[in-house]
Amino acid sequence: METIIIQETDEAVRDVLKIALNEENFIVYTVEKLDDDFLQLIDGIRPHVVMFDFRIGGEESINICRQIKLKYPHLPVLAMSCNNNINEVYARHGFDGYIAKPFDLDLLFRILRRYIPKIKQSS
């Protein structure tokens, strides 16, 4: 199964994302903060996609994204944000894609499928 790491500061959003993505057959790891252990988490889990809560300014997210891209240049990193200009800034800072908040889950699934092919259903 495909694995996703999600960093989201809002516990309710983390919970909903985890439940919804588990229903779509993803293995989901959630964290509240981007801290020094985040790269170690990636090393241990080896996710297919990483998603960050990109806040206004986004310096913390930008720095971690750069570190990930140096170590894992092919790992897709997506920004989740309610910033009204996220569509203009995500690529400039090294993110592979973005999803604007609030978002609907069908849109999230479509975006993730750009980076992870659909899981083959077993009969």
Protein backbone atom coordinates (compact mmCIF):
# COMPACT_ATOMS: atom_id res chain seq x y z
CA MET A 1 0.00 0.00 0.00
CA GLU A 2 1.07 3.56 -0.64
CA THR A 3 2.21 5.64 2.28
CA ILE A 4 1.68 9.34 2.98
CA ILE A 5 3.09 11.53 5.74
CA ILE A 6 0.88 14.50 6.59
CA GLN A 7 1.94 17.40 8.77
CA GLU A 8 -1.10 19.40 9.84
CA THR A 9 -1.44 21.67 12.87
CA ASP A 10 -5.20 21.21 13.22
CA GLU A 11 -6.01 17.93 14.97
CA ALA A 12 -9.50 17.69 13.45
CA VAL A 13 -8.10 18.08 9.93
CA ARG A 14 -5.42 15.46 10.66
CA ASP A 15 -8.07 13.03 11.89
CA VAL A 16 -10.36 13.55 8.88
CA LEU A 17 -7.48 13.20 6.43
CA LYS A 18 -6.26 10.02 8.09
CA ILE A 19 -9.71 8.41 8.07
CA ALA A 20 -10.49 9.45 4.48
CA LEU A 21 -7.12 8.36 3.11
CA ASN A 22 -7.23 5.05 4.99
CA GLU A 23 -10.58 4.44 3.27
CA GLU A 24 -8.78 4.94 -0.05
CA ASN A 25 -6.20 2.28 0.97
CA PHE A 26 -3.37 4.63 1.91
CA ILE A 27 -1.19 4.11 4.95
CA VAL A 28 -1.15 7.51 6.66
CA TYR A 29 1.21 8.90 9.26
CA THR A 30 0.26 12.26 10.74
CA VAL A 31 2.29 14.74 12.75
CA GLU A 32 1.42 18.09 14.22
CA LYS A 33 4.75 19.89 13.83
CA LEU A 34 7.68 20.04 11.48
CA ASP A 35 10.59 19.44 13.80
CA ASP A 36 14.13 18.11 13.65
CA ASP A 37 12.85 14.53 13.64
CA PHE A 38 10.82 14.98 10.45
CA LEU A 39 13.62 13.86 8.12
CA GLN A 40 14.23 10.85 10.35
CA LEU A 41 10.54 10.01 10.06
CA ILE A 42 10.86 10.08 6.26
CA ASP A 43 14.00 7.92 6.48
CA GLY A 44 12.13 5.32 8.52
CA ILE A 45 8.78 5.30 6.73
CA ARG A 46 9.86 5.95 3.11
CA PRO A 47 6.55 7.55 2.08
CA HIS A 48 5.28 7.92 -1.48
CA VAL A 49 4.11 11.51 -0.80
CA VAL A 50 4.61 14.13 1.93
CA MET A 51 2.03 16.85 2.59
CA PHE A 52 2.67 19.98 4.70
CA ASP A 53 0.47 22.61 6.24
CA PHE A 54 1.93 25.69 4.51
CA ARG A 55 1.17 28.63 6.75
CA ILE A 56 1.41 32.35 6.00
CA GLY A 57 5.07 33.02 5.35
CA GLY A 58 5.74 29.29 5.25
CA GLU A 59 9.43 29.56 6.20
CA GLU A 60 9.39 26.38 8.27
CA SER A 61 7.69 24.42 5.47
CA ILE A 62 10.01 25.89 2.84
CA ASN A 63 13.12 24.93 4.83
CA ILE A 64 11.96 21.34 5.41
CA CYS A 65 10.89 21.02 1.76
CA ARG A 66 14.38 22.08 0.65
CA GLN A 67 15.98 19.56 3.01
CA ILE A 68 13.74 16.77 1.72
CA LYS A 69 14.44 17.65 -1.91
CA LEU A 70 18.20 17.59 -1.26
CA LYS A 71 18.00 14.11 0.22
CA TYR A 72 15.03 12.70 -1.78
CA PRO A 73 14.75 14.72 -5.00
CA HIS A 74 12.02 12.47 -6.45
CA LEU A 75 9.76 12.38 -3.36
CA PRO A 76 6.63 14.45 -4.10
CA VAL A 77 6.06 17.18 -1.51
CA LEU A 78 2.66 18.91 -1.53
CA ALA A 79 1.67 22.14 0.22
CA MET A 80 -1.75 22.42 1.86
CA SER A 81 -2.68 26.01 2.51
CA CYS A 82 -5.41 28.56 2.98
CA ASN A 83 -3.02 31.26 1.69
CA ASN A 84 -4.78 32.89 -1.23
CA ASN A 85 -1.57 32.90 -3.28
CA ILE A 86 -0.48 29.30 -2.73
CA ASN A 87 -1.07 28.60 -6.44
CA GLU A 88 1.60 31.20 -7.23
CA VAL A 89 4.25 30.36 -4.63
CA TYR A 90 4.31 26.58 -4.18
CA ALA A 91 6.63 25.75 -7.12
CA ARG A 92 8.96 28.66 -6.40
CA HIS A 93 9.73 27.06 -3.03
CA GLY A 94 10.29 23.52 -4.30
CA PHE A 95 6.89 21.96 -3.70
CA ASP A 96 5.64 19.61 -6.40
CA GLY A 97 2.00 20.58 -5.99
CA TYR A 98 -0.53 22.14 -3.68
CA ILE A 99 -4.06 21.86 -2.45
CA ALA A 100 -5.91 24.98 -1.35
CA LYS A 101 -7.84 24.84 1.91
CA PRO A 102 -10.63 24.30 2.45
CA PHE A 103 -10.64 21.39 0.02
CA ASP A 104 -12.96 18.57 -0.79
CA LEU A 105 -11.72 15.03 -0.47
CA ASP A 106 -12.39 14.10 -4.10
CA LEU A 107 -10.05 16.88 -5.18
CA LEU A 108 -7.43 15.69 -2.71
CA PHE A 109 -7.66 12.13 -4.07
CA ARG A 110 -7.28 13.39 -7.66
CA ILE A 111 -4.22 15.43 -6.71
CA LEU A 112 -2.63 12.49 -4.89
CA ARG A 113 -3.27 10.21 -7.87
CA ARG A 114 -1.12 12.52 -9.99
CA TYR A 115 1.80 11.41 -7.83
CA ILE A 116 0.73 7.88 -6.88
CA PRO A 117 -0.91 5.55 -9.38
CA LYS A 118 -4.25 4.04 -8.38
CA ILE A 119 -3.93 0.99 -6.19
CA LYS A 120 -4.97 -2.17 -7.98
CA GLN A 121 -8.04 -3.61 -6.30
CA SER A 122 -7.74 -7.25 -5.34
CA SER A 123 -10.67 -9.53 -6.18
